[in-house]
Amino acid sequence: MSTVYQIEVGKDEEIREKILGFILQKRWNGALVIGAIGSVKEVRYFTPTGTDFPPRLESTTIAAPAEILSFIGEVMRAEQIPSSLREAYKIDGDYFLHIHASMAVAGGHVYGGGFQYGYALRGVNVFIQKAPNHT
């Protein structure tokens, strides 16, 4: 079993940047994001606009403070991205974060989708491990 690492994202730090920085430091080609806990703000996520494949995506931002309910996915080098994902997402770097997240805001309203970016409100811990199928 692969070691699980904890990435601590401090107040006002961007979550995606911290994950990518950790992977670069470890020199991994891929990782599994197995969860996260904490509070966030200014989260942007993608959701499909219809049943087309590859999907057309709409971007939504949650400006309000929120609590992470789920946070799971994978990180891979750009050249390893399946063609179906490549057609749906604009890839703008050496790595692609494919993370699905859900967040709850005041009043118990829940939002989520494909995580694009977001900031830690007070702090976030992301749990990650090296992907076994990436060298």
N, C-alpha and C. Protein backbone atom coordinates (compact mmCIF):
# COMPACT_ATOMS: atom_id res chain seq x y z
N MET A 1 0.84 -1.18 0.00
CA MET A 1 0.00 0.00 0.00
C MET A 1 0.88 1.24 0.00
N SER A 2 0.52 2.22 -0.79
CA SER A 2 1.28 3.45 -0.93
C SER A 2 1.06 4.35 0.29
N THR A 3 2.08 5.11 0.64
CA THR A 3 2.01 6.05 1.75
C THR A 3 1.03 7.17 1.43
N VAL A 4 0.23 7.55 2.42
CA VAL A 4 -0.68 8.69 2.28
C VAL A 4 0.02 9.91 2.89
N TYR A 5 0.07 10.98 2.11
CA TYR A 5 0.68 12.23 2.54
C TYR A 5 -0.41 13.26 2.80
N GLN A 6 -0.10 14.19 3.69
CA GLN A 6 -1.02 15.28 4.00
C GLN A 6 -0.40 16.59 3.53
N ILE A 7 -1.13 17.32 2.68
CA ILE A 7 -0.70 18.63 2.23
C ILE A 7 -1.50 19.65 3.03
N GLU A 8 -0.81 20.50 3.76
CA GLU A 8 -1.47 21.53 4.55
C GLU A 8 -1.55 22.82 3.72
N VAL A 9 -2.77 23.25 3.48
CA VAL A 9 -3.01 24.48 2.73
C VAL A 9 -3.43 25.54 3.75
N GLY A 10 -2.59 26.56 3.90
CA GLY A 10 -2.84 27.59 4.89
C GLY A 10 -3.88 28.61 4.44
N LYS A 11 -4.31 29.40 5.40
CA LYS A 11 -5.30 30.45 5.16
C LYS A 11 -4.90 31.29 3.94
N ASP A 12 -5.86 31.47 3.04
CA ASP A 12 -5.72 32.28 1.82
C ASP A 12 -4.81 31.67 0.75
N GLU A 13 -4.28 30.47 0.95
CA GLU A 13 -3.46 29.82 -0.08
C GLU A 13 -4.36 29.11 -1.07
N GLU A 14 -3.92 29.04 -2.33
CA GLU A 14 -4.69 28.39 -3.39
C GLU A 14 -4.42 26.89 -3.36
N ILE A 15 -5.46 26.10 -3.33
CA ILE A 15 -5.37 24.65 -3.13
C ILE A 15 -4.67 23.97 -4.30
N ARG A 16 -5.04 24.31 -5.51
CA ARG A 16 -4.45 23.67 -6.70
C ARG A 16 -2.94 23.89 -6.74
N GLU A 17 -2.50 25.11 -6.46
CA GLU A 17 -1.07 25.41 -6.46
C GLU A 17 -0.31 24.59 -5.44
N LYS A 18 -0.90 24.40 -4.26
CA LYS A 18 -0.24 23.60 -3.22
C LYS A 18 -0.12 22.14 -3.64
N ILE A 19 -1.16 21.60 -4.27
CA ILE A 19 -1.11 20.21 -4.74
C ILE A 19 -0.04 20.06 -5.81
N LEU A 20 -0.03 20.94 -6.80
CA LEU A 20 0.97 20.86 -7.86
C LEU A 20 2.38 21.05 -7.32
N GLY A 21 2.56 21.97 -6.40
CA GLY A 21 3.87 22.18 -5.79
C GLY A 21 4.38 20.94 -5.08
N PHE A 22 3.50 20.25 -4.39
CA PHE A 22 3.86 19.02 -3.68
C PHE A 22 4.29 17.94 -4.67
N ILE A 23 3.52 17.77 -5.74
CA ILE A 23 3.82 16.74 -6.75
C ILE A 23 5.16 17.05 -7.44
N LEU A 24 5.40 18.31 -7.75
CA LEU A 24 6.68 18.69 -8.36
C LEU A 24 7.85 18.43 -7.42
N GLN A 25 7.65 18.75 -6.15
CA GLN A 25 8.70 18.51 -5.15
C GLN A 25 9.02 17.02 -5.05
N LYS A 26 8.00 16.17 -5.10
CA LYS A 26 8.18 14.72 -5.01
C LYS A 26 8.64 14.11 -6.33
N ARG A 27 8.54 14.89 -7.42
CA ARG A 27 8.88 14.42 -8.77
C ARG A 27 8.02 13.23 -9.20
N TRP A 28 6.75 13.30 -8.86
CA TRP A 28 5.80 12.28 -9.26
C TRP A 28 5.25 12.61 -10.64
N ASN A 29 4.89 11.57 -11.39
CA ASN A 29 4.19 11.76 -12.66
C ASN A 29 2.69 11.75 -12.48
N GLY A 30 2.21 11.19 -11.39
CA GLY A 30 0.78 11.13 -11.13
C GLY A 30 0.50 10.90 -9.67
N ALA A 31 -0.71 11.26 -9.26
CA ALA A 31 -1.11 11.10 -7.87
C ALA A 31 -2.60 10.84 -7.78
N LEU A 32 -2.99 10.24 -6.67
CA LEU A 32 -4.40 10.04 -6.34
C LEU A 32 -4.73 10.98 -5.19
N VAL A 33 -5.72 11.82 -5.38
CA VAL A 33 -6.20 12.68 -4.31
C VAL A 33 -7.34 11.91 -3.66
N ILE A 34 -7.14 11.52 -2.41
CA ILE A 34 -8.11 10.62 -1.78
C ILE A 34 -9.04 11.31 -0.80
N GLY A 35 -8.86 12.62 -0.61
CA GLY A 35 -9.77 13.36 0.23
C GLY A 35 -9.20 14.68 0.68
N ALA A 36 -10.05 15.48 1.30
CA ALA A 36 -9.64 16.75 1.88
C ALA A 36 -10.67 17.14 2.93
N ILE A 37 -10.22 17.94 3.87
CA ILE A 37 -11.11 18.45 4.90
C ILE A 37 -10.71 19.89 5.19
N GLY A 38 -11.68 20.73 5.40
CA GLY A 38 -11.41 22.11 5.73
C GLY A 38 -12.44 23.05 5.14
N SER A 39 -12.16 24.34 5.31
CA SER A 39 -13.08 25.36 4.82
C SER A 39 -12.43 26.11 3.67
N VAL A 40 -13.26 26.52 2.71
CA VAL A 40 -12.78 27.13 1.48
C VAL A 40 -13.56 28.40 1.15
N LYS A 41 -13.02 29.14 0.19
CA LYS A 41 -13.71 30.33 -0.34
C LYS A 41 -13.29 30.50 -1.78
N GLU A 42 -14.08 31.27 -2.52
CA GLU A 42 -13.78 31.56 -3.93
C GLU A 42 -13.42 30.30 -4.71
N VAL A 43 -14.28 29.31 -4.62
CA VAL A 43 -14.07 28.04 -5.31
C VAL A 43 -14.72 28.10 -6.68
N ARG A 44 -14.00 27.67 -7.69
CA ARG A 44 -14.53 27.58 -9.05
C ARG A 44 -14.54 26.12 -9.46
N TYR A 45 -15.64 25.69 -10.07
CA TYR A 45 -15.77 24.31 -10.51
C TYR A 45 -16.50 24.26 -11.85
N PHE A 46 -16.31 23.14 -12.55
CA PHE A 46 -16.96 22.88 -13.84
C PHE A 46 -18.11 21.91 -13.65
N THR A 47 -19.15 22.08 -14.44
CA THR A 47 -20.22 21.09 -14.55
C THR A 47 -20.63 20.99 -16.02
N PRO A 48 -21.07 19.80 -16.46
CA PRO A 48 -21.51 19.67 -17.86
C PRO A 48 -22.81 20.43 -18.09
N THR A 49 -22.95 20.95 -19.30
CA THR A 49 -24.17 21.70 -19.65
C THR A 49 -25.22 20.84 -20.34
N GLY A 50 -24.85 19.62 -20.67
CA GLY A 50 -25.79 18.73 -21.36
C GLY A 50 -25.24 17.32 -21.38
N THR A 51 -25.78 16.52 -22.27
CA THR A 51 -25.38 15.11 -22.34
C THR A 51 -24.38 14.82 -23.46
N ASP A 52 -23.86 15.86 -24.09
CA ASP A 52 -22.87 15.68 -25.16
C ASP A 52 -21.62 14.99 -24.64
N PHE A 53 -20.93 14.28 -25.54
CA PHE A 53 -19.64 13.70 -25.20
C PHE A 53 -18.67 13.95 -26.33
N PRO A 54 -17.52 14.55 -26.06
CA PRO A 54 -17.11 15.02 -24.74
C PRO A 54 -18.00 16.16 -24.28
N PRO A 55 -18.11 16.34 -22.98
CA PRO A 55 -19.06 17.33 -22.45
C PRO A 55 -18.63 18.77 -22.73
N ARG A 56 -19.63 19.62 -22.90
CA ARG A 56 -19.39 21.06 -22.88
C ARG A 56 -19.51 21.46 -21.41
N LEU A 57 -18.56 22.25 -20.94
CA LEU A 57 -18.49 22.56 -19.52
C LEU A 57 -18.82 24.01 -19.23
N GLU A 58 -19.49 24.22 -18.11
CA GLU A 58 -19.81 25.56 -17.62
C GLU A 58 -19.04 25.76 -16.32
N SER A 59 -18.49 26.93 -16.12
CA SER A 59 -17.72 27.24 -14.93
C SER A 59 -18.57 28.07 -13.97
N THR A 60 -18.57 27.71 -12.71
CA THR A 60 -19.33 28.41 -11.68
C THR A 60 -18.40 28.72 -10.50
N THR A 61 -18.58 29.88 -9.89
CA THR A 61 -17.79 30.26 -8.72
C THR A 61 -18.68 30.36 -7.50
N ILE A 62 -18.21 29.82 -6.39
CA ILE A 62 -18.87 29.99 -5.10
C ILE A 62 -17.99 30.97 -4.32
N ALA A 63 -18.46 32.19 -4.15
CA ALA A 63 -17.68 33.21 -3.43
C ALA A 63 -17.82 33.05 -1.92
N ALA A 64 -18.93 32.51 -1.47
CA ALA A 64 -19.20 32.40 -0.03
C ALA A 64 -18.31 31.36 0.63
N PRO A 65 -18.06 31.51 1.92
CA PRO A 65 -17.34 30.48 2.66
C PRO A 65 -18.10 29.15 2.59
N ALA A 66 -17.35 28.05 2.51
CA ALA A 66 -17.97 26.73 2.39
C ALA A 66 -17.11 25.69 3.10
N GLU A 67 -17.73 24.57 3.43
CA GLU A 67 -17.03 23.42 4.02
C GLU A 67 -16.92 22.34 2.96
N ILE A 68 -15.74 21.74 2.85
CA ILE A 68 -15.54 20.63 1.91
C ILE A 68 -16.30 19.41 2.41
N LEU A 69 -17.09 18.82 1.54
CA LEU A 69 -17.79 17.58 1.85
C LEU A 69 -17.10 16.38 1.21
N SER A 70 -16.65 16.58 -0.03
CA SER A 70 -15.91 15.52 -0.73
C SER A 70 -14.86 16.17 -1.61
N PHE A 71 -13.78 15.44 -1.85
CA PHE A 71 -12.67 15.96 -2.65
C PHE A 71 -11.85 14.76 -3.07
N ILE A 72 -12.03 14.31 -4.30
CA ILE A 72 -11.38 13.07 -4.73
C ILE A 72 -11.05 13.14 -6.22
N GLY A 73 -9.93 12.57 -6.60
CA GLY A 73 -9.58 12.58 -8.00
C GLY A 73 -8.17 12.12 -8.27
N GLU A 74 -7.61 12.66 -9.36
CA GLU A 74 -6.28 12.25 -9.78
C GLU A 74 -5.56 13.44 -10.39
N VAL A 75 -4.25 13.34 -10.39
CA VAL A 75 -3.39 14.32 -11.04
C VAL A 75 -2.50 13.53 -11.98
N MET A 76 -2.38 14.00 -13.21
CA MET A 76 -1.55 13.28 -14.18
C MET A 76 -0.79 14.26 -15.05
N ARG A 77 0.29 13.78 -15.63
CA ARG A 77 1.05 14.60 -16.57
C ARG A 77 0.18 14.84 -17.81
N ALA A 78 0.36 15.98 -18.42
CA ALA A 78 -0.48 16.37 -19.56
C ALA A 78 -0.48 15.33 -20.67
N GLU A 79 0.67 14.70 -20.93
CA GLU A 79 0.73 13.72 -22.03
C GLU A 79 0.00 12.43 -21.71
N GLN A 80 -0.42 12.23 -20.46
CA GLN A 80 -1.13 11.01 -20.08
C GLN A 80 -2.64 11.19 -20.05
N ILE A 81 -3.12 12.37 -20.40
CA ILE A 81 -4.54 12.65 -20.33
C ILE A 81 -5.29 11.89 -21.42
N PRO A 82 -6.34 11.15 -21.05
CA PRO A 82 -7.15 10.47 -22.06
C PRO A 82 -7.76 11.49 -23.04
N SER A 83 -7.92 11.10 -24.29
CA SER A 83 -8.41 12.02 -25.31
C SER A 83 -9.78 12.59 -24.96
N SER A 84 -10.64 11.83 -24.29
CA SER A 84 -11.96 12.35 -23.92
C SER A 84 -11.86 13.53 -22.97
N LEU A 85 -10.90 13.49 -22.04
CA LEU A 85 -10.69 14.62 -21.13
C LEU A 85 -10.01 15.79 -21.84
N ARG A 86 -9.09 15.47 -22.72
CA ARG A 86 -8.35 16.51 -23.46
C ARG A 86 -9.31 17.36 -24.29
N GLU A 87 -10.33 16.73 -24.86
CA GLU A 87 -11.30 17.46 -25.67
C GLU A 87 -12.20 18.35 -24.82
N ALA A 88 -12.45 17.97 -23.58
CA ALA A 88 -13.39 18.70 -22.73
C ALA A 88 -12.72 19.85 -21.97
N TYR A 89 -11.47 19.68 -21.56
CA TYR A 89 -10.80 20.66 -20.72
C TYR A 89 -9.68 21.36 -21.48
N LYS A 90 -9.48 22.62 -21.15
CA LYS A 90 -8.34 23.35 -21.67
C LYS A 90 -7.15 23.03 -20.76
N ILE A 91 -6.14 22.40 -21.29
CA ILE A 91 -4.97 22.02 -20.51
C ILE A 91 -3.92 23.12 -20.66
N ASP A 92 -3.51 23.70 -19.54
CA ASP A 92 -2.60 24.85 -19.61
C ASP A 92 -1.36 24.65 -18.73
N GLY A 93 -0.78 23.47 -18.79
CA GLY A 93 0.42 23.23 -18.02
C GLY A 93 0.91 21.81 -18.20
N ASP A 94 1.89 21.43 -17.40
CA ASP A 94 2.47 20.10 -17.49
C ASP A 94 1.61 19.03 -16.81
N TYR A 95 0.70 19.46 -15.92
CA TYR A 95 -0.14 18.52 -15.17
C TYR A 95 -1.61 18.87 -15.33
N PHE A 96 -2.44 17.87 -15.18
CA PHE A 96 -3.89 18.06 -15.20
C PHE A 96 -4.46 17.54 -13.89
N LEU A 97 -5.17 18.41 -13.17
CA LEU A 97 -5.87 18.01 -11.96
C LEU A 97 -7.30 17.65 -12.33
N HIS A 98 -7.68 16.41 -12.10
CA HIS A 98 -9.03 15.92 -12.37
C HIS A 98 -9.63 15.54 -11.03
N ILE A 99 -10.18 16.54 -10.35
CA ILE A 99 -10.69 16.37 -8.98
C ILE A 99 -12.16 16.75 -8.96
N HIS A 100 -12.97 15.89 -8.37
CA HIS A 100 -14.38 16.19 -8.17
C HIS A 100 -14.57 16.57 -6.70
N ALA A 101 -15.29 17.66 -6.48
CA ALA A 101 -15.45 18.18 -5.12
C ALA A 101 -16.89 18.62 -4.89
N SER A 102 -17.31 18.55 -3.64
CA SER A 102 -18.58 19.14 -3.24
C SER A 102 -18.36 19.95 -1.98
N MET A 103 -19.12 21.05 -1.88
CA MET A 103 -18.98 21.98 -0.78
C MET A 103 -20.35 22.40 -0.28
N ALA A 104 -20.46 22.64 1.03
CA ALA A 104 -21.71 23.12 1.62
C ALA A 104 -21.52 24.55 2.08
N VAL A 105 -22.51 25.39 1.76
CA VAL A 105 -22.51 26.78 2.21
C VAL A 105 -23.62 26.96 3.25
N ALA A 106 -23.71 28.15 3.83
CA ALA A 106 -24.71 28.44 4.85
C ALA A 106 -26.10 28.04 4.36
N GLY A 107 -26.89 27.52 5.26
CA GLY A 107 -28.23 27.08 4.92
C GLY A 107 -28.29 25.65 4.42
N GLY A 108 -27.14 24.98 4.39
CA GLY A 108 -27.09 23.58 3.98
C GLY A 108 -27.17 23.37 2.47
N HIS A 109 -26.90 24.40 1.69
CA HIS A 109 -26.90 24.26 0.23
C HIS A 109 -25.57 23.63 -0.20
N VAL A 110 -25.65 22.68 -1.11
CA VAL A 110 -24.46 21.95 -1.55
C VAL A 110 -24.23 22.19 -3.03
N TYR A 111 -22.97 22.46 -3.37
CA TYR A 111 -22.56 22.70 -4.75
C TYR A 111 -21.35 21.81 -5.04
N GLY A 112 -21.13 21.54 -6.31
CA GLY A 112 -19.95 20.76 -6.63
C GLY A 112 -19.82 20.48 -8.11
N GLY A 113 -18.71 19.84 -8.42
CA GLY A 113 -18.40 19.49 -9.79
C GLY A 113 -16.92 19.23 -9.93
N GLY A 114 -16.38 19.48 -11.11
CA GLY A 114 -14.96 19.32 -11.36
C GLY A 114 -14.20 20.52 -10.82
N PHE A 115 -13.40 20.32 -9.79
CA PHE A 115 -12.67 21.39 -9.12
C PHE A 115 -11.72 22.08 -10.07
N GLN A 116 -11.79 23.40 -10.14
CA GLN A 116 -10.89 24.18 -10.97
C GLN A 116 -9.86 24.89 -10.10
N TYR A 117 -10.31 25.62 -9.10
CA TYR A 117 -9.41 26.23 -8.11
C TYR A 117 -10.22 26.70 -6.92
N GLY A 118 -9.54 27.05 -5.85
CA GLY A 118 -10.18 27.58 -4.65
C GLY A 118 -9.13 27.90 -3.61
N TYR A 119 -9.52 28.67 -2.62
CA TYR A 119 -8.62 29.13 -1.58
C TYR A 119 -9.05 28.60 -0.22
N ALA A 120 -8.08 28.36 0.65
CA ALA A 120 -8.38 27.93 2.01
C ALA A 120 -8.93 29.13 2.78
N LEU A 121 -10.04 28.95 3.47
CA LEU A 121 -10.61 30.00 4.30
C LEU A 121 -9.81 30.10 5.60
N ARG A 122 -9.81 29.03 6.37
CA ARG A 122 -8.97 28.95 7.58
C ARG A 122 -7.83 27.98 7.37
N GLY A 123 -8.09 26.94 6.61
CA GLY A 123 -7.10 25.92 6.33
C GLY A 123 -7.75 24.70 5.73
N VAL A 124 -6.98 23.96 4.94
CA VAL A 124 -7.45 22.73 4.30
C VAL A 124 -6.32 21.71 4.38
N ASN A 125 -6.67 20.48 4.67
CA ASN A 125 -5.72 19.36 4.59
C ASN A 125 -6.16 18.48 3.43
N VAL A 126 -5.24 18.28 2.48
CA VAL A 126 -5.48 17.41 1.33
C VAL A 126 -4.69 16.13 1.53
N PHE A 127 -5.34 15.00 1.32
CA PHE A 127 -4.70 13.70 1.49
C PHE A 127 -4.43 13.10 0.12
N ILE A 128 -3.18 12.70 -0.11
CA ILE A 128 -2.73 12.35 -1.45
C ILE A 128 -1.74 11.19 -1.38
N GLN A 129 -1.69 10.41 -2.43
CA GLN A 129 -0.68 9.36 -2.54
C GLN A 129 -0.23 9.24 -3.98
N LYS A 130 0.96 8.69 -4.14
CA LYS A 130 1.51 8.49 -5.48
C LYS A 130 0.65 7.48 -6.23
N ALA A 131 0.34 7.79 -7.48
CA ALA A 131 -0.47 6.88 -8.29
C ALA A 131 0.37 5.66 -8.64
N PRO A 132 -0.15 4.47 -8.41
CA PRO A 132 0.63 3.25 -8.67
C PRO A 132 0.89 3.00 -10.15
N ASN A 133 0.06 3.53 -11.02
CA ASN A 133 0.23 3.23 -12.46
C ASN A 133 0.97 4.33 -13.21
N HIS A 134 1.58 5.28 -12.49
CA HIS A 134 2.36 6.34 -13.12
C HIS A 134 3.80 6.22 -12.66
N THR A 135 4.73 6.15 -13.60
CA THR A 135 6.14 6.01 -13.23
C THR A 135 6.80 7.36 -13.05
